[in-house]
Amino acid sequence: MMRPSLLTALLCVFAGCVRAPPVPVRHVVSTAEAPTFRISQGKGTAILLVNEETGARAASLGVLELEAGAGVPEHIHENSVEMLYVEEGTAEMTVEGKVVAVRSGDAVYIPARVRHSARIPEGAPRFRAVQVYVGPGPEQRFRQGVPVKSPAPSP
């Protein structure tokens, strides 16, 4: 039995592979240039800063902002590690079924294939976290939200 990668390589040789040209690496991306999406039923935003669209193939980086009462439903990232650095506010996160409180100054590590969710308690201040995915891709789900702004054209 052939391994999928070998089969794919052979198909590319015989059938020809069409590959998108590589995206030029943008070493600096300002928040003003980054696409921003309204998420969590209008109670949050996701700012997508560095990802495959800016030439980063190994990881992505964004900013997640959530108001009181907002939440992120339970989910899994099959192939990506998620890390958060909490800049402002507090949240109740559930990681592998265990509820943990996170607050400003905390770092959170969520391995691939681990169920997790988050909730911002009513009356809590705004939650703001830098969000990194090692193995980019999960950040693309935020594009299902309502665009707040589109990226400015790069020079």
C-alpha atoms as a PDB file:
ATOM      1  CA  MET A   1       0.000   0.000   0.000  1.00  0.00           C
ATOM      2  CA  MET A   2       1.362   3.441  -0.971  1.00  0.00           C
ATOM      3  CA  ARG A   3       1.622   6.176   1.589  1.00  0.00           C
ATOM      4  CA  PRO A   4      -0.571   9.215   0.770  1.00  0.00           C
ATOM      5  CA  SER A   5       2.429  11.538   0.368  1.00  0.00           C
ATOM      6  CA  LEU A   6       4.076   9.194  -2.133  1.00  0.00           C
ATOM      7  CA  LEU A   7       0.816   8.803  -4.035  1.00  0.00           C
ATOM      8  CA  THR A   8       0.375  12.577  -4.119  1.00  0.00           C
ATOM      9  CA  ALA A   9       3.933  13.065  -5.384  1.00  0.00           C
ATOM     10  CA  LEU A  10       3.417  10.509  -8.144  1.00  0.00           C
ATOM     11  CA  LEU A  11       0.148  12.102  -9.209  1.00  0.00           C
ATOM     12  CA  CYS A  12       1.887  15.477  -9.361  1.00  0.00           C
ATOM     13  CA  VAL A  13       4.620  14.067 -11.583  1.00  0.00           C
ATOM     14  CA  PHE A  14       2.197  12.406 -14.007  1.00  0.00           C
ATOM     15  CA  ALA A  15      -0.765  14.791 -13.926  1.00  0.00           C
ATOM     16  CA  GLY A  16       1.059  18.022 -13.144  1.00  0.00           C
ATOM     17  CA  CYS A  17       0.509  20.050 -10.015  1.00  0.00           C
ATOM     18  CA  VAL A  18      -0.718  23.570  -9.982  1.00  0.00           C
ATOM     19  CA  ARG A  19       0.718  25.438  -7.046  1.00  0.00           C
ATOM     20  CA  ALA A  20      -0.091  28.946  -6.017  1.00  0.00           C
ATOM     21  CA  PRO A  21       2.944  31.188  -6.110  1.00  0.00           C
ATOM     22  CA  PRO A  22       4.367  31.796  -2.635  1.00  0.00           C
ATOM     23  CA  VAL A  23       3.090  34.880  -0.844  1.00  0.00           C
ATOM     24  CA  PRO A  24       5.838  37.428  -0.204  1.00  0.00           C
ATOM     25  CA  VAL A  25       6.723  37.625   3.474  1.00  0.00           C
ATOM     26  CA  ARG A  26       5.573  40.792   5.191  1.00  0.00           C
ATOM     27  CA  HIS A  27       7.881  41.276   8.145  1.00  0.00           C
ATOM     28  CA  VAL A  28       5.736  43.999   9.728  1.00  0.00           C
ATOM     29  CA  VAL A  29       1.939  44.116   9.704  1.00  0.00           C
ATOM     30  CA  SER A  30       0.230  47.031  11.432  1.00  0.00           C
ATOM     31  CA  THR A  31      -3.117  46.667  13.130  1.00  0.00           C
ATOM     32  CA  ALA A  32      -4.459  49.299  10.716  1.00  0.00           C
ATOM     33  CA  GLU A  33      -3.627  46.982   7.799  1.00  0.00           C
ATOM     34  CA  ALA A  34      -5.015  43.792   9.336  1.00  0.00           C
ATOM     35  CA  PRO A  35      -8.474  42.446   8.553  1.00  0.00           C
ATOM     36  CA  THR A  36     -10.781  42.602  11.565  1.00  0.00           C
ATOM     37  CA  PHE A  37     -13.957  40.590  12.087  1.00  0.00           C
ATOM     38  CA  ARG A  38     -16.877  40.942  14.496  1.00  0.00           C
ATOM     39  CA  ILE A  39     -17.361  37.595  16.290  1.00  0.00           C
ATOM     40  CA  SER A  40     -19.178  36.073  19.281  1.00  0.00           C
ATOM     41  CA  GLN A  41     -22.607  37.407  18.305  1.00  0.00           C
ATOM     42  CA  GLY A  42     -21.255  40.941  18.053  1.00  0.00           C
ATOM     43  CA  LYS A  43     -19.571  40.884  21.471  1.00  0.00           C
ATOM     44  CA  GLY A  44     -16.019  40.485  20.197  1.00  0.00           C
ATOM     45  CA  THR A  45     -13.489  41.089  17.465  1.00  0.00           C
ATOM     46  CA  ALA A  46     -10.652  39.098  15.954  1.00  0.00           C
ATOM     47  CA  ILE A  47      -7.763  40.962  14.334  1.00  0.00           C
ATOM     48  CA  LEU A  48      -5.792  38.702  11.967  1.00  0.00           C
ATOM     49  CA  LEU A  49      -2.248  40.045  11.902  1.00  0.00           C
ATOM     50  CA  VAL A  50       0.289  37.445  10.759  1.00  0.00           C
ATOM     51  CA  ASN A  51      -0.711  34.291   8.882  1.00  0.00           C
ATOM     52  CA  GLU A  52      -0.299  32.530   5.545  1.00  0.00           C
ATOM     53  CA  GLU A  53      -1.738  35.601   3.778  1.00  0.00           C
ATOM     54  CA  THR A  54       1.202  37.646   5.054  1.00  0.00           C
ATOM     55  CA  GLY A  55       3.729  34.938   4.166  1.00  0.00           C
ATOM     56  CA  ALA A  56       3.890  33.206   7.566  1.00  0.00           C
ATOM     57  CA  ARG A  57       3.616  29.467   7.011  1.00  0.00           C
ATOM     58  CA  ALA A  58       4.627  28.055  10.406  1.00  0.00           C
ATOM     59  CA  ALA A  59       2.355  30.044  12.735  1.00  0.00           C
ATOM     60  CA  SER A  60      -0.266  32.773  12.925  1.00  0.00           C
ATOM     61  CA  LEU A  61      -0.734  35.665  15.320  1.00  0.00           C
ATOM     62  CA  GLY A  62      -3.791  37.762  16.052  1.00  0.00           C
ATOM     63  CA  VAL A  63      -5.588  39.698  18.744  1.00  0.00           C
ATOM     64  CA  LEU A  64      -8.818  38.470  20.310  1.00  0.00           C
ATOM     65  CA  GLU A  65     -11.076  40.976  22.092  1.00  0.00           C
ATOM     66  CA  LEU A  66     -14.240  39.898  23.917  1.00  0.00           C
ATOM     67  CA  GLU A  67     -16.798  41.889  25.927  1.00  0.00           C
ATOM     68  CA  ALA A  68     -18.614  40.694  29.055  1.00  0.00           C
ATOM     69  CA  GLY A  69     -21.028  37.866  28.257  1.00  0.00           C
ATOM     70  CA  ALA A  70     -19.112  36.801  25.147  1.00  0.00           C
ATOM     71  CA  GLY A  71     -17.838  33.307  24.676  1.00  0.00           C
ATOM     72  CA  VAL A  72     -15.958  30.946  22.431  1.00  0.00           C
ATOM     73  CA  PRO A  73     -17.782  27.610  22.107  1.00  0.00           C
ATOM     74  CA  GLU A  74     -15.990  24.353  22.836  1.00  0.00           C
ATOM     75  CA  HIS A  75     -13.822  23.263  19.932  1.00  0.00           C
ATOM     76  CA  ILE A  76     -10.633  21.405  18.971  1.00  0.00           C
ATOM     77  CA  HIS A  77      -7.725  22.314  16.696  1.00  0.00           C
ATOM     78  CA  GLU A  78      -6.688  18.998  15.180  1.00  0.00           C
ATOM     79  CA  ASN A  79      -3.269  20.075  13.932  1.00  0.00           C
ATOM     80  CA  SER A  80      -2.504  23.311  15.763  1.00  0.00           C
ATOM     81  CA  VAL A  81      -1.262  24.343  19.169  1.00  0.00           C
ATOM     82  CA  GLU A  82      -2.939  27.482  20.528  1.00  0.00           C
ATOM     83  CA  MET A  83      -1.248  29.924  22.863  1.00  0.00           C
ATOM     84  CA  LEU A  84      -2.726  33.046  24.416  1.00  0.00           C
ATOM     85  CA  TYR A  85      -1.163  35.922  26.290  1.00  0.00           C
ATOM     86  CA  VAL A  86      -3.841  37.804  28.235  1.00  0.00           C
ATOM     87  CA  GLU A  87      -3.214  41.545  28.018  1.00  0.00           C
ATOM     88  CA  GLU A  88      -6.427  42.732  29.705  1.00  0.00           C
ATOM     89  CA  GLY A  89      -9.381  41.306  31.578  1.00  0.00           C
ATOM     90  CA  THR A  90     -10.376  37.879  32.831  1.00  0.00           C
ATOM     91  CA  ALA A  91     -11.979  34.780  31.352  1.00  0.00           C
ATOM     92  CA  GLU A  92     -13.212  31.404  32.475  1.00  0.00           C
ATOM     93  CA  MET A  93     -11.698  28.783  30.204  1.00  0.00           C
ATOM     94  CA  THR A  94     -12.506  25.116  30.084  1.00  0.00           C
ATOM     95  CA  VAL A  95      -9.548  23.001  28.971  1.00  0.00           C
ATOM     96  CA  GLU A  96      -9.939  19.216  28.852  1.00  0.00           C
ATOM     97  CA  GLY A  97     -13.068  19.531  30.972  1.00  0.00           C
ATOM     98  CA  LYS A  98     -11.355  21.538  33.719  1.00  0.00           C
ATOM     99  CA  VAL A  99     -12.473  25.130  34.381  1.00  0.00           C
ATOM    100  CA  VAL A 100      -9.572  27.527  34.860  1.00  0.00           C
ATOM    101  CA  ALA A 101      -9.593  31.276  35.472  1.00  0.00           C
ATOM    102  CA  VAL A 102      -7.212  33.379  33.387  1.00  0.00           C
ATOM    103  CA  ARG A 103      -6.372  37.045  33.892  1.00  0.00           C
ATOM    104  CA  SER A 104      -4.153  39.825  32.673  1.00  0.00           C
ATOM    105  CA  GLY A 105      -0.519  38.695  32.571  1.00  0.00           C
ATOM    106  CA  ASP A 106      -1.341  34.970  32.222  1.00  0.00           C
ATOM    107  CA  ALA A 107      -0.155  32.763  29.375  1.00  0.00           C
ATOM    108  CA  VAL A 108      -2.291  29.842  28.213  1.00  0.00           C
ATOM    109  CA  TYR A 109      -1.047  26.773  26.313  1.00  0.00           C
ATOM    110  CA  ILE A 110      -3.526  24.454  24.584  1.00  0.00           C
ATOM    111  CA  PRO A 111      -2.020  21.439  22.782  1.00  0.00           C
ATOM    112  CA  ALA A 112      -3.455  20.194  19.489  1.00  0.00           C
ATOM    113  CA  ARG A 113      -6.502  17.914  19.786  1.00  0.00           C
ATOM    114  CA  VAL A 114      -7.518  19.274  23.219  1.00  0.00           C
ATOM    115  CA  ARG A 115     -11.128  20.440  23.734  1.00  0.00           C
ATOM    116  CA  HIS A 116     -11.364  24.000  25.022  1.00  0.00           C
ATOM    117  CA  SER A 117     -13.727  26.960  25.335  1.00  0.00           C
ATOM    118  CA  ALA A 118     -13.861  30.383  26.960  1.00  0.00           C
ATOM    119  CA  ARG A 119     -16.445  32.628  28.566  1.00  0.00           C
ATOM    120  CA  ILE A 120     -16.214  36.223  29.742  1.00  0.00           C
ATOM    121  CA  PRO A 121     -18.331  36.611  32.891  1.00  0.00           C
ATOM    122  CA  GLU A 122     -21.130  39.207  32.909  1.00  0.00           C
ATOM    123  CA  GLY A 123     -19.884  42.457  34.408  1.00  0.00           C
ATOM    124  CA  ALA A 124     -16.235  41.589  33.700  1.00  0.00           C
ATOM    125  CA  PRO A 125     -13.982  44.120  31.942  1.00  0.00           C
ATOM    126  CA  ARG A 126     -13.065  43.691  28.292  1.00  0.00           C
ATOM    127  CA  PHE A 127     -10.845  40.681  27.612  1.00  0.00           C
ATOM    128  CA  ARG A 128      -7.937  41.174  25.207  1.00  0.00           C
ATOM    129  CA  ALA A 129      -5.400  38.490  24.334  1.00  0.00           C
ATOM    130  CA  VAL A 130      -2.641  37.954  21.814  1.00  0.00           C
ATOM    131  CA  GLN A 131      -3.430  34.636  20.141  1.00  0.00           C
ATOM    132  CA  VAL A 132      -0.861  32.409  18.425  1.00  0.00           C
ATOM    133  CA  TYR A 133      -1.498  29.215  16.471  1.00  0.00           C
ATOM    134  CA  VAL A 134       1.520  27.044  15.757  1.00  0.00           C
ATOM    135  CA  GLY A 135       0.329  25.283  12.693  1.00  0.00           C
ATOM    136  CA  PRO A 136      -1.668  28.168  11.194  1.00  0.00           C
ATOM    137  CA  GLY A 137      -5.200  27.724   9.978  1.00  0.00           C
ATOM    138  CA  PRO A 138      -7.626  27.852  12.904  1.00  0.00           C
ATOM    139  CA  GLU A 139      -7.645  31.664  12.774  1.00  0.00           C
ATOM    140  CA  GLN A 140      -9.428  31.458   9.426  1.00  0.00           C
ATOM    141  CA  ARG A 141     -12.678  30.520  11.217  1.00  0.00           C
ATOM    142  CA  PHE A 142     -12.913  34.152  12.335  1.00  0.00           C
ATOM    143  CA  ARG A 143     -13.502  35.117   8.705  1.00  0.00           C
ATOM    144  CA  GLN A 144     -17.024  33.747   9.165  1.00  0.00           C
ATOM    145  CA  GLY A 145     -17.666  36.810  11.330  1.00  0.00           C
ATOM    146  CA  VAL A 146     -18.804  40.167   9.994  1.00  0.00           C
ATOM    147  CA  PRO A 147     -15.905  42.157   8.525  1.00  0.00           C
ATOM    148  CA  VAL A 148     -15.266  45.325  10.516  1.00  0.00           C
ATOM    149  CA  LYS A 149     -12.530  46.402   8.157  1.00  0.00           C
ATOM    150  CA  SER A 150     -10.662  44.911   5.263  1.00  0.00           C
ATOM    151  CA  PRO A 151      -6.910  45.045   4.983  1.00  0.00           C
ATOM    152  CA  ALA A 152      -5.405  48.166   3.516  1.00  0.00           C
ATOM    153  CA  PRO A 153      -3.437  47.519   0.339  1.00  0.00           C
ATOM    154  CA  SER A 154       0.205  46.783   1.056  1.00  0.00           C
ATOM    155  CA  PRO A 155       2.799  49.135  -0.453  1.00  0.00           C
END
